[in-house]
């Protein structure tokens, strides 16, 4: 059988081409500790804490400046198909868009006033 579900796309981007080949060619299981060490996963969470930590992380992202998070996501996804010059141009364009948002002003003001930000997605 061959890998599917995007495995040959995502795994080399996470762990590098050589490590991805080793994983796929050998068929050896990758234990959680190794997956963490090679960048295949971001963290290990005990199963009894998984839901609480997942919800806490989701709430953290949801309370962030959502327009900015969306722009960052698009920039990161696009980065694999761009050379450096093109990526810098995309970043510059998105920075211009972000600078004009209410959330950017709120972020700066909350920093200066040393208070928690209250982003609205605007």
C-alpha atoms as a PDB file:
ATOM      1  CA  UNK A   1       0.000   0.000   0.000  1.00  0.00           C
ATOM      2  CA  UNK A   2       0.963   3.629  -0.416  1.00  0.00           C
ATOM      3  CA  UNK A   3       0.434   6.486   2.019  1.00  0.00           C
ATOM      4  CA  UNK A   4      -2.723   8.502   1.519  1.00  0.00           C
ATOM      5  CA  UNK A   5      -4.681  11.253   3.204  1.00  0.00           C
ATOM      6  CA  UNK A   6      -2.000  13.785   2.327  1.00  0.00           C
ATOM      7  CA  UNK A   7       0.711  11.946   4.243  1.00  0.00           C
ATOM      8  CA  UNK A   8       3.284  12.363   1.483  1.00  0.00           C
ATOM      9  CA  UNK A   9       2.499  16.075   1.384  1.00  0.00           C
ATOM     10  CA  UNK A  10       2.367  16.900   5.083  1.00  0.00           C
ATOM     11  CA  UNK A  11       4.955  14.597   6.647  1.00  0.00           C
ATOM     12  CA  UNK A  12       7.996  15.852   4.677  1.00  0.00           C
ATOM     13  CA  UNK A  13       7.033  19.412   5.586  1.00  0.00           C
ATOM     14  CA  UNK A  14       6.874  18.493   9.272  1.00  0.00           C
ATOM     15  CA  UNK A  15       9.922  16.278   9.656  1.00  0.00           C
ATOM     16  CA  UNK A  16      11.975  16.783   6.482  1.00  0.00           C
ATOM     17  CA  UNK A  17      12.232  14.620   3.393  1.00  0.00           C
ATOM     18  CA  UNK A  18      14.892  12.220   4.699  1.00  0.00           C
ATOM     19  CA  UNK A  19      12.987  11.466   7.919  1.00  0.00           C
ATOM     20  CA  UNK A  20       9.693  11.099   6.031  1.00  0.00           C
ATOM     21  CA  UNK A  21      11.315   8.561   3.713  1.00  0.00           C
ATOM     22  CA  UNK A  22      12.687   6.657   6.713  1.00  0.00           C
ATOM     23  CA  UNK A  23       9.249   6.544   8.326  1.00  0.00           C
ATOM     24  CA  UNK A  24       7.427   5.467   5.170  1.00  0.00           C
ATOM     25  CA  UNK A  25      10.034   3.013   3.869  1.00  0.00           C
ATOM     26  CA  UNK A  26      10.633   1.239   7.180  1.00  0.00           C
ATOM     27  CA  UNK A  27       7.028   0.989   8.290  1.00  0.00           C
ATOM     28  CA  UNK A  28       8.274   1.185  11.885  1.00  0.00           C
ATOM     29  CA  UNK A  29       5.859   2.779  14.356  1.00  0.00           C
ATOM     30  CA  UNK A  30       6.696   6.285  15.558  1.00  0.00           C
ATOM     31  CA  UNK A  31       6.201   6.527  19.314  1.00  0.00           C
ATOM     32  CA  UNK A  32       4.869   9.739  20.835  1.00  0.00           C
ATOM     33  CA  UNK A  33       8.221  10.747  22.336  1.00  0.00           C
ATOM     34  CA  UNK A  34       9.968  10.423  18.973  1.00  0.00           C
ATOM     35  CA  UNK A  35       7.121  12.194  17.172  1.00  0.00           C
ATOM     36  CA  UNK A  36       7.551  15.125  19.548  1.00  0.00           C
ATOM     37  CA  UNK A  37      11.326  15.145  19.159  1.00  0.00           C
ATOM     38  CA  UNK A  38      11.251  15.205  15.335  1.00  0.00           C
ATOM     39  CA  UNK A  39       8.500  17.801  15.048  1.00  0.00           C
ATOM     40  CA  UNK A  40       5.771  15.462  13.885  1.00  0.00           C
ATOM     41  CA  UNK A  41       3.594  16.634  16.786  1.00  0.00           C
ATOM     42  CA  UNK A  42       3.725  19.817  18.865  1.00  0.00           C
ATOM     43  CA  UNK A  43       3.093  18.391  22.307  1.00  0.00           C
ATOM     44  CA  UNK A  44       1.956  15.347  24.221  1.00  0.00           C
ATOM     45  CA  UNK A  45      -1.112  15.623  26.433  1.00  0.00           C
ATOM     46  CA  UNK A  46      -2.396  12.907  28.757  1.00  0.00           C
ATOM     47  CA  UNK A  47      -5.724  11.585  27.482  1.00  0.00           C
ATOM     48  CA  UNK A  48      -7.559  12.657  30.631  1.00  0.00           C
ATOM     49  CA  UNK A  49      -6.516  16.288  30.006  1.00  0.00           C
ATOM     50  CA  UNK A  50      -6.960  16.307  26.235  1.00  0.00           C
ATOM     51  CA  UNK A  51     -10.435  17.884  26.095  1.00  0.00           C
ATOM     52  CA  UNK A  52      -9.650  20.597  28.655  1.00  0.00           C
ATOM     53  CA  UNK A  53      -6.370  21.560  26.975  1.00  0.00           C
ATOM     54  CA  UNK A  54      -7.941  21.451  23.513  1.00  0.00           C
ATOM     55  CA  UNK A  55     -10.775  23.747  24.576  1.00  0.00           C
ATOM     56  CA  UNK A  56      -8.357  26.116  26.321  1.00  0.00           C
ATOM     57  CA  UNK A  57      -6.238  26.346  23.163  1.00  0.00           C
ATOM     58  CA  UNK A  58      -9.299  26.832  20.951  1.00  0.00           C
ATOM     59  CA  UNK A  59     -10.525  29.623  23.233  1.00  0.00           C
ATOM     60  CA  UNK A  60      -7.105  31.274  23.132  1.00  0.00           C
ATOM     61  CA  UNK A  61      -7.097  31.295  19.331  1.00  0.00           C
ATOM     62  CA  UNK A  62     -10.751  32.414  19.193  1.00  0.00           C
ATOM     63  CA  UNK A  63     -10.003  35.383  21.480  1.00  0.00           C
ATOM     64  CA  UNK A  64      -7.037  36.449  19.337  1.00  0.00           C
ATOM     65  CA  UNK A  65      -7.415  39.054  16.578  1.00  0.00           C
ATOM     66  CA  UNK A  66      -9.137  36.698  14.151  1.00  0.00           C
ATOM     67  CA  UNK A  67      -8.476  38.729  10.995  1.00  0.00           C
ATOM     68  CA  UNK A  68      -4.773  38.741  11.802  1.00  0.00           C
ATOM     69  CA  UNK A  69      -4.784  35.020  12.570  1.00  0.00           C
ATOM     70  CA  UNK A  70      -6.495  34.409   9.226  1.00  0.00           C
ATOM     71  CA  UNK A  71      -3.904  36.478   7.383  1.00  0.00           C
ATOM     72  CA  UNK A  72      -1.060  34.678   9.146  1.00  0.00           C
ATOM     73  CA  UNK A  73      -2.592  31.318   8.212  1.00  0.00           C
ATOM     74  CA  UNK A  74      -2.810  32.323   4.554  1.00  0.00           C
ATOM     75  CA  UNK A  75       0.780  33.601   4.571  1.00  0.00           C
ATOM     76  CA  UNK A  76       2.137  30.423   6.163  1.00  0.00           C
ATOM     77  CA  UNK A  77       0.211  28.143   3.799  1.00  0.00           C
ATOM     78  CA  UNK A  78       1.368  30.151   0.804  1.00  0.00           C
ATOM     79  CA  UNK A  79       5.017  30.189   1.933  1.00  0.00           C
ATOM     80  CA  UNK A  80       5.724  26.715   0.527  1.00  0.00           C
ATOM     81  CA  UNK A  81       4.866  27.870  -2.988  1.00  0.00           C
ATOM     82  CA  UNK A  82       6.708  31.212  -2.876  1.00  0.00           C
ATOM     83  CA  UNK A  83      10.271  32.334  -3.197  1.00  0.00           C
ATOM     84  CA  UNK A  84      11.547  34.759  -0.562  1.00  0.00           C
ATOM     85  CA  UNK A  85      10.915  37.915  -2.616  1.00  0.00           C
ATOM     86  CA  UNK A  86       7.324  36.921  -3.377  1.00  0.00           C
ATOM     87  CA  UNK A  87       6.692  35.988   0.246  1.00  0.00           C
ATOM     88  CA  UNK A  88       8.065  39.349   1.437  1.00  0.00           C
ATOM     89  CA  UNK A  89       5.699  41.092  -0.984  1.00  0.00           C
ATOM     90  CA  UNK A  90       2.733  39.083   0.355  1.00  0.00           C
ATOM     91  CA  UNK A  91       3.755  39.937   3.933  1.00  0.00           C
ATOM     92  CA  UNK A  92       3.999  43.613   3.074  1.00  0.00           C
ATOM     93  CA  UNK A  93       0.536  43.614   1.503  1.00  0.00           C
ATOM     94  CA  UNK A  94      -1.015  41.792   4.445  1.00  0.00           C
ATOM     95  CA  UNK A  95       0.777  44.065   6.922  1.00  0.00           C
ATOM     96  CA  UNK A  96      -0.835  47.025   5.176  1.00  0.00           C
ATOM     97  CA  UNK A  97      -4.250  45.406   5.518  1.00  0.00           C
ATOM     98  CA  UNK A  98      -3.703  44.525   9.182  1.00  0.00           C
ATOM     99  CA  UNK A  99      -2.501  48.005  10.100  1.00  0.00           C
ATOM    100  CA  UNK A 100      -5.869  49.475   9.240  1.00  0.00           C
ATOM    101  CA  UNK A 101      -7.920  47.240  11.535  1.00  0.00           C
ATOM    102  CA  UNK A 102      -9.613  48.115  14.809  1.00  0.00           C
ATOM    103  CA  UNK A 103      -7.961  45.043  16.348  1.00  0.00           C
ATOM    104  CA  UNK A 104      -4.498  46.428  15.556  1.00  0.00           C
ATOM    105  CA  UNK A 105      -5.337  49.658  17.375  1.00  0.00           C
ATOM    106  CA  UNK A 106      -6.775  47.662  20.283  1.00  0.00           C
ATOM    107  CA  UNK A 107      -3.629  45.530  20.439  1.00  0.00           C
ATOM    108  CA  UNK A 108      -1.341  48.553  20.581  1.00  0.00           C
ATOM    109  CA  UNK A 109      -3.522  50.375  23.113  1.00  0.00           C
ATOM    110  CA  UNK A 110      -3.873  47.358  25.397  1.00  0.00           C
ATOM    111  CA  UNK A 111      -0.093  46.898  25.291  1.00  0.00           C
ATOM    112  CA  UNK A 112       0.551  50.550  26.154  1.00  0.00           C
ATOM    113  CA  UNK A 113      -2.124  50.500  28.883  1.00  0.00           C
ATOM    114  CA  UNK A 114      -0.828  47.152  30.190  1.00  0.00           C
ATOM    115  CA  UNK A 115      -4.245  45.491  30.024  1.00  0.00           C
ATOM    116  CA  UNK A 116      -5.753  42.443  28.354  1.00  0.00           C
ATOM    117  CA  UNK A 117      -6.767  42.935  24.715  1.00  0.00           C
ATOM    118  CA  UNK A 118     -10.413  42.750  23.686  1.00  0.00           C
ATOM    119  CA  UNK A 119     -10.379  41.896  19.996  1.00  0.00           C
ATOM    120  CA  UNK A 120     -13.536  42.111  17.877  1.00  0.00           C
ATOM    121  CA  UNK A 121     -12.396  40.678  14.559  1.00  0.00           C
ATOM    122  CA  UNK A 122     -12.644  44.099  12.913  1.00  0.00           C
END
